Amino acid sequence: MYLWVLDQNTAAQEFYRTLGGICVEKAPVSPLGGVPSRLADSPTKLRFTWPDASLLAQTDARRGAQTTPRNTP
């Protein structure tokens, strides 16, 4: 499992590391709709991975969090 986070979002990076995430890649952010003028400067994004996503569920359980079923239409 993986996700991307903006390089400047250090709070999110720390959160993902706390959950066992590993930063494995740094890449430029693609402009929205392919229009380069929509980006200020040259932002980058980081890819965090979890080799075993089941570890995330275990981390949640250790914190004592309980999951509740979501009502979906």
PDB file of N, CA and C in Angstrom:
ATOM      1  N   MET A   1       0.843  -1.156   0.000  1.00  0.00           N
ATOM      2  CA  MET A   1       0.000   0.000   0.000  1.00  0.00           C
ATOM      3  C   MET A   1       0.894   1.226   0.000  1.00  0.00           C
ATOM      4  N   TYR A   2       0.463   2.275  -0.703  1.00  0.00           N
ATOM      5  CA  TYR A   2       1.235   3.510  -0.685  1.00  0.00           C
ATOM      6  C   TYR A   2       0.314   4.708  -0.819  1.00  0.00           C
ATOM      7  N   LEU A   3       0.846   5.874  -0.485  1.00  0.00           N
ATOM      8  CA  LEU A   3       0.145   7.129  -0.705  1.00  0.00           C
ATOM      9  C   LEU A   3       1.165   8.219  -0.967  1.00  0.00           C
ATOM     10  N   TRP A   4       0.688   9.311  -1.549  1.00  0.00           N
ATOM     11  CA  TRP A   4       1.535  10.471  -1.824  1.00  0.00           C
ATOM     12  C   TRP A   4       1.173  11.585  -0.853  1.00  0.00           C
ATOM     13  N   VAL A   5       2.186  12.338  -0.428  1.00  0.00           N
ATOM     14  CA  VAL A   5       1.990  13.491   0.451  1.00  0.00           C
ATOM     15  C   VAL A   5       2.901  14.610  -0.043  1.00  0.00           C
ATOM     16  N   LEU A   6       2.425  15.839   0.061  1.00  0.00           N
ATOM     17  CA  LEU A   6       3.258  16.966  -0.360  1.00  0.00           C
ATOM     18  C   LEU A   6       4.471  17.084   0.549  1.00  0.00           C
ATOM     19  N   ASP A   7       5.601  17.420  -0.030  1.00  0.00           N
ATOM     20  CA  ASP A   7       6.862  17.536   0.694  1.00  0.00           C
ATOM     21  C   ASP A   7       6.750  18.523   1.857  1.00  0.00           C
ATOM     22  N   GLN A   8       6.007  19.618   1.671  1.00  0.00           N
ATOM     23  CA  GLN A   8       5.922  20.630   2.725  1.00  0.00           C
ATOM     24  C   GLN A   8       4.969  20.226   3.860  1.00  0.00           C
ATOM     25  N   ASN A   9       4.227  19.134   3.714  1.00  0.00           N
ATOM     26  CA  ASN A   9       3.299  18.692   4.752  1.00  0.00           C
ATOM     27  C   ASN A   9       4.026  17.795   5.753  1.00  0.00           C
ATOM     28  N   THR A  10       4.843  18.410   6.580  1.00  0.00           N
ATOM     29  CA  THR A  10       5.680  17.660   7.513  1.00  0.00           C
ATOM     30  C   THR A  10       4.863  16.983   8.613  1.00  0.00           C
ATOM     31  N   ALA A  11       3.727  17.564   9.006  1.00  0.00           N
ATOM     32  CA  ALA A  11       2.892  16.945  10.035  1.00  0.00           C
ATOM     33  C   ALA A  11       2.354  15.605   9.536  1.00  0.00           C
ATOM     34  N   ALA A  12       1.899  15.564   8.300  1.00  0.00           N
ATOM     35  CA  ALA A  12       1.390  14.311   7.733  1.00  0.00           C
ATOM     36  C   ALA A  12       2.521  13.285   7.618  1.00  0.00           C
ATOM     37  N   GLN A  13       3.700  13.728   7.216  1.00  0.00           N
ATOM     38  CA  GLN A  13       4.833  12.804   7.096  1.00  0.00           C
ATOM     39  C   GLN A  13       5.153  12.157   8.439  1.00  0.00           C
ATOM     40  N   GLU A  14       5.148  12.946   9.496  1.00  0.00           N
ATOM     41  CA  GLU A  14       5.426  12.416  10.827  1.00  0.00           C
ATOM     42  C   GLU A  14       4.345  11.414  11.235  1.00  0.00           C
ATOM     43  N   PHE A  15       3.094  11.733  10.936  1.00  0.00           N
ATOM     44  CA  PHE A  15       1.986  10.829  11.236  1.00  0.00           C
ATOM     45  C   PHE A  15       2.163   9.500  10.518  1.00  0.00           C
ATOM     46  N   TYR A  16       2.498   9.538   9.238  1.00  0.00           N
ATOM     47  CA  TYR A  16       2.676   8.311   8.463  1.00  0.00           C
ATOM     48  C   TYR A  16       3.867   7.507   8.969  1.00  0.00           C
ATOM     49  N   ARG A  17       4.925   8.198   9.370  1.00  0.00           N
ATOM     50  CA  ARG A  17       6.090   7.485   9.929  1.00  0.00           C
ATOM     51  C   ARG A  17       5.721   6.805  11.242  1.00  0.00           C
ATOM     52  N   THR A  18       4.912   7.482  12.061  1.00  0.00           N
ATOM     53  CA  THR A  18       4.462   6.903  13.324  1.00  0.00           C
ATOM     54  C   THR A  18       3.689   5.616  13.087  1.00  0.00           C
ATOM     55  N   LEU A  19       2.980   5.557  11.963  1.00  0.00           N
ATOM     56  CA  LEU A  19       2.212   4.363  11.614  1.00  0.00           C
ATOM     57  C   LEU A  19       3.036   3.336  10.840  1.00  0.00           C
ATOM     58  N   GLY A  20       4.355   3.543  10.768  1.00  0.00           N
ATOM     59  CA  GLY A  20       5.233   2.579  10.122  1.00  0.00           C
ATOM     60  C   GLY A  20       5.480   2.825   8.645  1.00  0.00           C
ATOM     61  N   GLY A  21       5.022   3.973   8.146  1.00  0.00           N
ATOM     62  CA  GLY A  21       5.242   4.295   6.738  1.00  0.00           C
ATOM     63  C   GLY A  21       6.707   4.600   6.452  1.00  0.00           C
ATOM     64  N   ILE A  22       7.125   4.268   5.250  1.00  0.00           N
ATOM     65  CA  ILE A  22       8.506   4.495   4.822  1.00  0.00           C
ATOM     66  C   ILE A  22       8.481   5.337   3.557  1.00  0.00           C
ATOM     67  N   CYS A  23       9.225   6.444   3.567  1.00  0.00           N
ATOM     68  CA  CYS A  23       9.320   7.287   2.375  1.00  0.00           C
ATOM     69  C   CYS A  23      10.283   6.630   1.392  1.00  0.00           C
ATOM     70  N   VAL A  24       9.788   6.335   0.186  1.00  0.00           N
ATOM     71  CA  VAL A  24      10.604   5.604  -0.782  1.00  0.00           C
ATOM     72  C   VAL A  24      10.844   6.361  -2.088  1.00  0.00           C
ATOM     73  N   GLU A  25      10.176   7.500  -2.254  1.00  0.00           N
ATOM     74  CA  GLU A  25      10.321   8.200  -3.528  1.00  0.00           C
ATOM     75  C   GLU A  25       9.972   9.671  -3.367  1.00  0.00           C
ATOM     76  N   LYS A  26      10.664  10.509  -4.110  1.00  0.00           N
ATOM     77  CA  LYS A  26      10.374  11.939  -4.175  1.00  0.00           C
ATOM     78  C   LYS A  26      10.207  12.289  -5.651  1.00  0.00           C
ATOM     79  N   ALA A  27       9.133  13.021  -5.978  1.00  0.00           N
ATOM     80  CA  ALA A  27       8.837  13.321  -7.377  1.00  0.00           C
ATOM     81  C   ALA A  27       8.199  14.698  -7.487  1.00  0.00           C
ATOM     82  N   PRO A  28       8.307  15.330  -8.646  1.00  0.00           N
ATOM     83  CA  PRO A  28       7.640  16.618  -8.835  1.00  0.00           C
ATOM     84  C   PRO A  28       6.119  16.432  -8.877  1.00  0.00           C
ATOM     85  N   VAL A  29       5.406  17.439  -8.387  1.00  0.00           N
ATOM     86  CA  VAL A  29       3.943  17.420  -8.420  1.00  0.00           C
ATOM     87  C   VAL A  29       3.487  17.759  -9.832  1.00  0.00           C
ATOM     88  N   SER A  30       2.557  16.996 -10.359  1.00  0.00           N
ATOM     89  CA  SER A  30       1.991  17.273 -11.683  1.00  0.00           C
ATOM     90  C   SER A  30       0.987  18.416 -11.563  1.00  0.00           C
ATOM     91  N   PRO A  31       0.999  19.349 -12.503  1.00  0.00           N
ATOM     92  CA  PRO A  31       0.049  20.457 -12.430  1.00  0.00           C
ATOM     93  C   PRO A  31      -1.382  19.985 -12.654  1.00  0.00           C
ATOM     94  N   LEU A  32      -2.315  20.614 -11.960  1.00  0.00           N
ATOM     95  CA  LEU A  32      -3.729  20.281 -12.121  1.00  0.00           C
ATOM     96  C   LEU A  32      -4.172  20.510 -13.554  1.00  0.00           C
ATOM     97  N   GLY A  33      -4.812  19.526 -14.115  1.00  0.00           N
ATOM     98  CA  GLY A  33      -5.298  19.638 -15.481  1.00  0.00           C
ATOM     99  C   GLY A  33      -4.206  19.797 -16.516  1.00  0.00           C
ATOM    100  N   GLY A  34      -2.947  19.534 -16.114  1.00  0.00           N
ATOM    101  CA  GLY A  34      -1.835  19.646 -17.054  1.00  0.00           C
ATOM    102  C   GLY A  34      -1.426  21.067 -17.376  1.00  0.00           C
ATOM    103  N   VAL A  35      -1.890  22.036 -16.571  1.00  0.00           N
ATOM    104  CA  VAL A  35      -1.580  23.450 -16.821  1.00  0.00           C
ATOM    105  C   VAL A  35      -0.488  23.896 -15.844  1.00  0.00           C
ATOM    106  N   PRO A  36       0.760  24.053 -16.315  1.00  0.00           N
ATOM    107  CA  PRO A  36       1.877  24.395 -15.429  1.00  0.00           C
ATOM    108  C   PRO A  36       1.688  25.694 -14.655  1.00  0.00           C
ATOM    109  N   SER A  37       0.954  26.643 -15.190  1.00  0.00           N
ATOM    110  CA  SER A  37       0.776  27.925 -14.495  1.00  0.00           C
ATOM    111  C   SER A  37      -0.061  27.776 -13.219  1.00  0.00           C
ATOM    112  N   ARG A  38      -0.663  26.625 -13.007  1.00  0.00           N
ATOM    113  CA  ARG A  38      -1.453  26.400 -11.792  1.00  0.00           C
ATOM    114  C   ARG A  38      -0.581  26.056 -10.590  1.00  0.00           C
ATOM    115  N   LEU A  39       0.708  25.861 -10.796  1.00  0.00           N
ATOM    116  CA  LEU A  39       1.620  25.547  -9.705  1.00  0.00           C
ATOM    117  C   LEU A  39       2.481  26.749  -9.369  1.00  0.00           C
ATOM    118  N   ALA A  40       2.669  26.974  -8.066  1.00  0.00           N
ATOM    119  CA  ALA A  40       3.608  27.999  -7.618  1.00  0.00           C
ATOM    120  C   ALA A  40       4.934  27.284  -7.325  1.00  0.00           C
ATOM    121  N   ASP A  41       6.024  27.823  -7.824  1.00  0.00           N
ATOM    122  CA  ASP A  41       7.340  27.215  -7.633  1.00  0.00           C
ATOM    123  C   ASP A  41       7.394  25.826  -8.274  1.00  0.00           C
ATOM    124  N   SER A  42       8.114  24.930  -7.619  1.00  0.00           N
ATOM    125  CA  SER A  42       8.257  23.553  -8.118  1.00  0.00           C
ATOM    126  C   SER A  42       8.013  22.584  -6.973  1.00  0.00           C
ATOM    127  N   PRO A  43       6.746  22.392  -6.565  1.00  0.00           N
ATOM    128  CA  PRO A  43       6.484  21.515  -5.422  1.00  0.00           C
ATOM    129  C   PRO A  43       6.831  20.066  -5.713  1.00  0.00           C
ATOM    130  N   THR A  44       7.162  19.357  -4.648  1.00  0.00           N
ATOM    131  CA  THR A  44       7.461  17.928  -4.768  1.00  0.00           C
ATOM    132  C   THR A  44       6.532  17.140  -3.858  1.00  0.00           C
ATOM    133  N   LYS A  45       6.419  15.864  -4.167  1.00  0.00           N
ATOM    134  CA  LYS A  45       5.598  14.963  -3.369  1.00  0.00           C
ATOM    135  C   LYS A  45       6.441  13.765  -2.971  1.00  0.00           C
ATOM    136  N   LEU A  46       6.062  13.143  -1.871  1.00  0.00           N
ATOM    137  CA  LEU A  46       6.771  11.984  -1.349  1.00  0.00           C
ATOM    138  C   LEU A  46       5.835  10.784  -1.349  1.00  0.00           C
ATOM    139  N   ARG A  47       6.368   9.638  -1.713  1.00  0.00           N
ATOM    140  CA  ARG A  47       5.558   8.420  -1.690  1.00  0.00           C
ATOM    141  C   ARG A  47       5.924   7.613  -0.446  1.00  0.00           C
ATOM    142  N   PHE A  48       4.930   7.400   0.409  1.00  0.00           N
ATOM    143  CA  PHE A  48       5.092   6.587   1.601  1.00  0.00           C
ATOM    144  C   PHE A  48       4.480   5.220   1.342  1.00  0.00           C
ATOM    145  N   THR A  49       5.179   4.181   1.769  1.00  0.00           N
ATOM    146  CA  THR A  49       4.681   2.817   1.566  1.00  0.00           C
ATOM    147  C   THR A  49       4.592   2.078   2.890  1.00  0.00           C
ATOM    148  N   TRP A  50       3.728   1.091   2.880  1.00  0.00           N
ATOM    149  CA  TRP A  50       3.603   0.124   3.952  1.00  0.00           C
ATOM    150  C   TRP A  50       3.672  -1.243   3.289  1.00  0.00           C
ATOM    151  N   PRO A  51       4.750  -1.979   3.513  1.00  0.00           N
ATOM    152  CA  PRO A  51       4.877  -3.290   2.883  1.00  0.00           C
ATOM    153  C   PRO A  51       3.738  -4.236   3.256  1.00  0.00           C
ATOM    154  N   ASP A  52       3.232  -4.101   4.474  1.00  0.00           N
ATOM    155  CA  ASP A  52       2.148  -4.972   4.933  1.00  0.00           C
ATOM    156  C   ASP A  52       1.053  -4.094   5.531  1.00  0.00           C
ATOM    157  N   ALA A  53      -0.022  -3.866   4.779  1.00  0.00           N
ATOM    158  CA  ALA A  53      -1.098  -2.975   5.216  1.00  0.00           C
ATOM    159  C   ALA A  53      -1.801  -3.502   6.467  1.00  0.00           C
ATOM    160  N   SER A  54      -1.697  -4.788   6.758  1.00  0.00           N
ATOM    161  CA  SER A  54      -2.345  -5.323   7.955  1.00  0.00           C
ATOM    162  C   SER A  54      -1.730  -4.723   9.224  1.00  0.00           C
ATOM    163  N   LEU A  55      -0.499  -4.227   9.134  1.00  0.00           N
ATOM    164  CA  LEU A  55       0.132  -3.583  10.289  1.00  0.00           C
ATOM    165  C   LEU A  55      -0.600  -2.311  10.687  1.00  0.00           C
ATOM    166  N   LEU A  56      -1.235  -1.650   9.741  1.00  0.00           N
ATOM    167  CA  LEU A  56      -1.995  -0.443  10.062  1.00  0.00           C
ATOM    168  C   LEU A  56      -3.176  -0.786  10.964  1.00  0.00           C
ATOM    169  N   ALA A  57      -3.844  -1.877  10.715  1.00  0.00           N
ATOM    170  CA  ALA A  57      -4.964  -2.298  11.549  1.00  0.00           C
ATOM    171  C   ALA A  57      -4.475  -2.645  12.954  1.00  0.00           C
ATOM    172  N   GLN A  58      -3.323  -3.267  13.053  1.00  0.00           N
ATOM    173  CA  GLN A  58      -2.773  -3.604  14.361  1.00  0.00           C
ATOM    174  C   GLN A  58      -2.412  -2.351  15.126  1.00  0.00           C
ATOM    175  N   THR A  59      -1.864  -1.351  14.439  1.00  0.00           N
ATOM    176  CA  THR A  59      -1.510  -0.081  15.077  1.00  0.00           C
ATOM    177  C   THR A  59      -2.756   0.572  15.630  1.00  0.00           C
ATOM    178  N   ASP A  60      -3.850   0.551  14.871  1.00  0.00           N
ATOM    179  CA  ASP A  60      -5.105   1.134  15.309  1.00  0.00           C
ATOM    180  C   ASP A  60      -5.622   0.419  16.551  1.00  0.00           C
ATOM    181  N   ALA A  61      -5.519  -0.882  16.581  1.00  0.00           N
ATOM    182  CA  ALA A  61      -6.000  -1.667  17.716  1.00  0.00           C
ATOM    183  C   ALA A  61      -5.185  -1.371  18.976  1.00  0.00           C
ATOM    184  N   ARG A  62      -3.878  -1.180  18.820  1.00  0.00           N
ATOM    185  CA  ARG A  62      -3.028  -0.893  19.982  1.00  0.00           C
ATOM    186  C   ARG A  62      -3.397   0.433  20.628  1.00  0.00           C
ATOM    187  N   ARG A  63      -3.883   1.383  19.830  1.00  0.00           N
ATOM    188  CA  ARG A  63      -4.272   2.680  20.384  1.00  0.00           C
ATOM    189  C   ARG A  63      -5.633   2.599  21.056  1.00  0.00           C
ATOM    190  N   GLY A  64      -6.307   1.474  20.936  1.00  0.00           N
ATOM    191  CA  GLY A  64      -7.609   1.325  21.558  1.00  0.00           C
ATOM    192  C   GLY A  64      -8.735   1.905  20.730  1.00  0.00           C
ATOM    193  N   ALA A  65      -8.457   2.250  19.498  1.00  0.00           N
ATOM    194  CA  ALA A  65      -9.499   2.803  18.636  1.00  0.00           C
ATOM    195  C   ALA A  65     -10.428   1.690  18.195  1.00  0.00           C
ATOM    196  N   GLN A  66     -11.672   2.039  18.089  1.00  0.00           N
ATOM    197  CA  GLN A  66     -12.641   1.076  17.611  1.00  0.00           C
ATOM    198  C   GLN A  66     -13.214   1.571  16.306  1.00  0.00           C
ATOM    199  N   THR A  67     -13.386   0.669  15.391  1.00  0.00           N
ATOM    200  CA  THR A  67     -13.968   1.059  14.120  1.00  0.00           C
ATOM    201  C   THR A  67     -15.463   0.845  14.174  1.00  0.00           C
ATOM    202  N   THR A  68     -16.182   1.738  13.527  1.00  0.00           N
ATOM    203  CA  THR A  68     -17.628   1.607  13.460  1.00  0.00           C
ATOM    204  C   THR A  68     -18.013   1.460  12.013  1.00  0.00           C
ATOM    205  N   PRO A  69     -18.996   0.635  11.725  1.00  0.00           N
ATOM    206  CA  PRO A  69     -19.407   0.469  10.337  1.00  0.00           C
ATOM    207  C   PRO A  69     -19.960   1.770   9.781  1.00  0.00           C
ATOM    208  N   ARG A  70     -19.659   2.023   8.534  1.00  0.00           N
ATOM    209  CA  ARG A  70     -20.166   3.226   7.879  1.00  0.00           C
ATOM    210  C   ARG A  70     -21.473   2.901   7.176  1.00  0.00           C
ATOM    211  N   ASN A  71     -22.388   3.824   7.283  1.00  0.00           N
ATOM    212  CA  ASN A  71     -23.652   3.661   6.565  1.00  0.00           C
ATOM    213  C   ASN A  71     -23.470   4.204   5.161  1.00  0.00           C
ATOM    214  N   THR A  72     -23.666   3.354   4.207  1.00  0.00           N
ATOM    215  CA  THR A  72     -23.546   3.788   2.823  1.00  0.00           C
ATOM    216  C   THR A  72     -24.874   3.595   2.131  1.00  0.00           C
ATOM    217  N   PRO A  73     -25.266   4.556   1.301  1.00  0.00           N
ATOM    218  CA  PRO A  73     -26.553   4.433   0.614  1.00  0.00           C
ATOM    219  C   PRO A  73     -26.561   3.335  -0.418  1.00  0.00           C
TER     220      PRO A  73
END
